[in-house]
Protein backbone atom coordinates (compact mmCIF):
# COMPACT_ATOMS: atom_id res chain seq x y z
CA MET A 1 -68.44 -151.27 -15.04
CA ASN A 2 -66.16 -148.63 -13.49
CA LYS A 3 -68.90 -146.04 -13.81
CA SER A 4 -71.43 -148.21 -11.97
CA LYS A 5 -69.04 -148.79 -9.09
CA ILE A 6 -68.48 -145.02 -8.74
CA MET A 7 -72.29 -144.42 -8.81
CA LEU A 8 -72.77 -147.13 -6.20
CA ALA A 9 -70.04 -145.63 -3.92
CA ILE A 10 -71.64 -142.16 -4.24
CA ALA A 11 -75.11 -143.54 -3.59
CA THR A 12 -73.82 -145.32 -0.50
CA VAL A 13 -72.17 -142.20 0.85
CA VAL A 14 -75.30 -140.14 0.22
CA LEU A 15 -77.44 -142.85 1.91
CA LEU A 16 -75.12 -142.97 4.96
CA VAL A 17 -75.16 -139.20 5.28
CA PHE A 18 -78.96 -139.22 5.03
CA ILE A 19 -79.27 -141.90 7.72
CA ALA A 20 -76.88 -140.04 10.03
CA LEU A 21 -78.76 -136.71 9.64
CA ALA A 22 -82.17 -138.37 9.99
CA THR A 23 -81.01 -140.22 13.20
CA LYS A 24 -79.56 -136.97 14.62
CA PHE A 25 -82.79 -135.10 13.84
CA TRP A 26 -84.93 -137.87 15.32
CA PHE A 27 -82.98 -137.99 18.59
CA THR A 28 -82.82 -134.21 18.90
CA TYR A 29 -86.54 -133.79 18.19
CA PHE A 30 -87.79 -136.51 20.54
CA LEU A 31 -85.25 -135.77 23.30
CA ASP A 32 -86.20 -132.15 23.27
CA LEU A 33 -89.90 -132.97 23.39
CA ASN A 34 -89.47 -135.36 26.28
CA SER A 35 -86.95 -133.28 28.18
CA ASN A 36 -88.06 -130.92 30.88
CA GLY A 37 -84.78 -129.06 30.87
CA SER A 38 -83.33 -128.16 34.15
CA LEU A 39 -83.51 -125.85 37.15
CA SER A 40 -80.11 -124.88 38.40
CA LEU A 41 -78.48 -123.20 41.36
CA LYS A 42 -75.09 -121.56 40.90
CA GLY A 43 -73.12 -119.73 43.53
CA THR A 44 -70.95 -116.90 42.33
CA SER A 45 -68.63 -116.96 45.33
CA TYR A 46 -68.48 -120.52 46.66
CA GLY A 47 -70.74 -122.65 44.58
CA SER A 48 -74.19 -123.97 45.43
CA LEU A 49 -73.18 -127.11 47.24
CA GLU A 50 -69.91 -126.10 48.82
CA LEU A 51 -69.58 -124.92 52.34
CA LYS A 52 -69.85 -121.25 53.05
CA THR A 53 -68.30 -119.75 56.19
CA VAL A 54 -69.70 -116.55 57.56
CA LYS A 55 -67.04 -113.85 57.80
CA LEU A 56 -67.86 -112.20 61.10
CA MET A 57 -65.20 -109.47 61.10
CA ASP A 58 -64.70 -106.71 58.55
CA GLU A 59 -61.37 -105.65 57.01
CA ASN A 60 -60.68 -103.41 60.11
CA GLN A 61 -61.12 -106.42 62.47
CA ARG A 62 -64.48 -105.05 63.76
CA TYR A 63 -67.25 -107.45 64.42
CA ILE A 64 -70.11 -107.26 61.96
CA THR A 65 -73.18 -106.56 64.11
CA SER A 66 -75.72 -105.02 61.74
CA LEU A 67 -76.87 -105.18 58.13
CA ASP A 68 -75.17 -101.79 57.61
CA ASP A 69 -71.83 -103.43 58.43
CA VAL A 70 -72.22 -106.22 55.89
CA THR A 71 -70.53 -105.21 52.65
CA SER A 72 -70.98 -108.46 50.76
CA GLY A 73 -72.88 -111.66 51.03
CA TYR A 74 -73.16 -115.09 49.50
CA GLU A 75 -74.26 -114.48 45.87
CA PHE A 76 -76.08 -117.19 43.96
CA THR A 77 -78.49 -117.54 41.07
CA VAL A 78 -81.42 -119.79 40.20
CA ASN A 79 -81.89 -120.38 36.43
CA ASN A 80 -84.87 -121.99 34.82
CA TYR A 81 -83.82 -123.86 31.68
CA LYS A 82 -87.03 -125.97 31.75
CA THR A 83 -89.74 -125.77 29.11
CA SER A 84 -92.35 -124.42 31.57
CA THR A 85 -92.73 -122.16 34.60
CA THR A 86 -91.35 -123.99 37.63
CA LYS A 87 -91.84 -123.71 41.38
CA TYR A 88 -88.83 -123.99 43.58
CA SER A 89 -87.72 -123.65 47.18
CA LEU A 90 -84.35 -122.61 48.67
CA TYR A 91 -83.36 -124.19 51.94
CA LEU A 92 -80.61 -123.14 54.35
CA GLU A 93 -78.65 -126.13 55.63
CA ASP A 94 -76.42 -125.89 58.68
CA ILE A 95 -73.15 -127.72 58.18
CA PRO A 96 -71.89 -129.55 61.30
CA TYR A 97 -68.48 -128.37 62.57
CA TYR A 98 -66.88 -131.76 62.02
CA VAL A 99 -67.61 -131.71 58.26
CA VAL A 100 -65.41 -128.67 57.67
CA ASP A 101 -61.70 -129.14 57.89
CA ASP A 102 -60.83 -125.72 59.41
CA GLY A 103 -60.11 -126.62 63.01
CA CYS A 104 -63.64 -125.76 64.08
CA THR A 105 -65.14 -127.37 67.18
CA ASN A 106 -68.70 -127.49 68.49
CA ALA A 107 -67.76 -124.74 71.01
CA MET A 108 -66.56 -122.56 68.14
CA THR A 109 -69.81 -122.77 66.17
CA LEU A 110 -72.35 -119.96 66.38
CA LYS A 111 -75.97 -120.90 66.80
CA ARG A 112 -78.69 -119.52 64.58
CA SER A 113 -80.12 -117.62 67.48
CA GLU A 114 -76.89 -115.58 67.55
CA LEU A 115 -77.16 -114.57 63.88
CA ASP A 116 -79.34 -112.25 61.79
CA TYR A 117 -79.76 -112.43 58.00
CA ALA A 118 -81.02 -110.52 55.03
CA LEU A 119 -82.09 -112.12 51.75
CA TYR A 120 -82.13 -110.08 48.54
CA LEU A 121 -83.76 -111.13 45.22
CA ASN A 122 -82.68 -109.21 42.07
CA GLY A 123 -81.48 -106.33 44.15
CA GLU A 124 -84.59 -105.95 46.32
CA LEU A 125 -84.61 -106.89 49.99
CA LEU A 126 -86.99 -109.81 50.63
CA VAL A 127 -86.50 -110.26 54.38
CA THR A 128 -84.30 -109.34 57.29
CA ASP A 129 -84.70 -111.30 60.52
CA SER A 130 -83.03 -113.62 62.99
CA LEU A 131 -81.62 -116.72 61.36
CA SER A 132 -83.47 -118.78 64.01
CA SER A 133 -86.77 -117.44 62.67
CA ILE A 134 -86.46 -119.41 59.47
CA LYS A 135 -89.13 -122.11 59.60
CA ASN A 136 -88.27 -125.60 58.32
CA ASN A 137 -84.96 -124.17 56.89
CA LEU A 138 -87.05 -122.47 54.07
CA LEU A 139 -85.27 -119.33 52.85
CA ASP A 140 -87.54 -118.62 49.85
CA SER A 141 -90.17 -120.30 47.70
CA ARG A 142 -91.53 -119.04 44.37
CA SER A 143 -92.19 -119.72 40.71
CA ILE A 144 -89.71 -118.84 37.98
CA ASN A 145 -90.60 -118.38 34.30
CA ILE A 146 -88.88 -120.08 31.42
CA ASP A 147 -85.33 -118.81 30.64
CA VAL A 148 -85.36 -116.46 33.75
CA THR A 149 -82.54 -115.99 36.19
CA ASN A 150 -83.21 -115.00 39.80
CA ASN A 151 -80.15 -113.37 41.46
CA TYR A 152 -79.89 -113.78 45.26
CA VAL A 153 -77.58 -112.38 47.92
CA LEU A 154 -77.70 -113.78 51.44
CA LYS A 155 -76.07 -111.67 54.10
CA ILE A 156 -75.53 -113.08 57.67
CA TRP A 157 -74.11 -111.30 60.64
CA ILE A 158 -73.90 -111.55 64.46
CA ASN A 159 -76.98 -110.12 66.11
CA LYS A 160 -76.53 -107.40 68.78
CA ASP A 161 -77.65 -109.68 71.63
CA ALA A 162 -75.17 -112.51 70.96
CA GLN A 163 -72.71 -113.21 73.77
CA ASP A 164 -69.17 -114.68 73.63
CA THR A 165 -68.81 -114.66 69.81
CA ASP A 166 -64.99 -114.31 69.66
CA ASN A 167 -63.35 -116.79 67.29
CA LYS A 168 -66.64 -118.35 66.38
CA HIS A 169 -68.21 -118.91 63.02
CA TYR A 170 -71.08 -120.54 61.17
CA HIS A 171 -71.04 -122.94 58.21
CA TYR A 172 -73.96 -123.41 55.86
CA ARG A 173 -75.05 -124.16 52.30
CA VAL A 174 -78.08 -123.25 50.19
CA ASN A 175 -79.97 -126.05 48.55
CA LEU A 176 -82.40 -125.76 45.68
CA VAL A 177 -85.43 -128.10 45.51
CA GLU A 178 -87.93 -128.17 42.68
CA ASP A 179 -91.44 -128.17 44.00
CA LYS A 180 -93.73 -130.81 42.32
């Protein structure tokens, strides 16, 4: 009688372990098949959805007025963790002065027409132009293969024709949208 209770207990434990492993395997298998993974945007300096304020003076308090003066930019990456090649677009969003708690006023905000930009992808310059030339806020649009990371740097500076730029700045964020 004792021996049969021990065998029943062992059989119960083995059955429970088998059920647990089978359930885990089933969920993992079917969730992985039905999951498309994700496309992600990560900023290395401020984060993908946080506000970024353009620094318009260098360390010597000189105004940055050309790409040559810009020593750093907003660095961010796009990662494709999906199970297929994916199309995406990056959009530049202006952040209104009243959203940022830094004492900014409308009069202290630079307009896009007063700014130039350069966008780099994986170390290669994609474009350099006036920020106001960006159509429909679209910075870049492309496809990305599975398990690939695209590294971007966005540099922004005051263009040489801008007037009255003292104590002004510009807030923005970069948004990632998966194209369907």
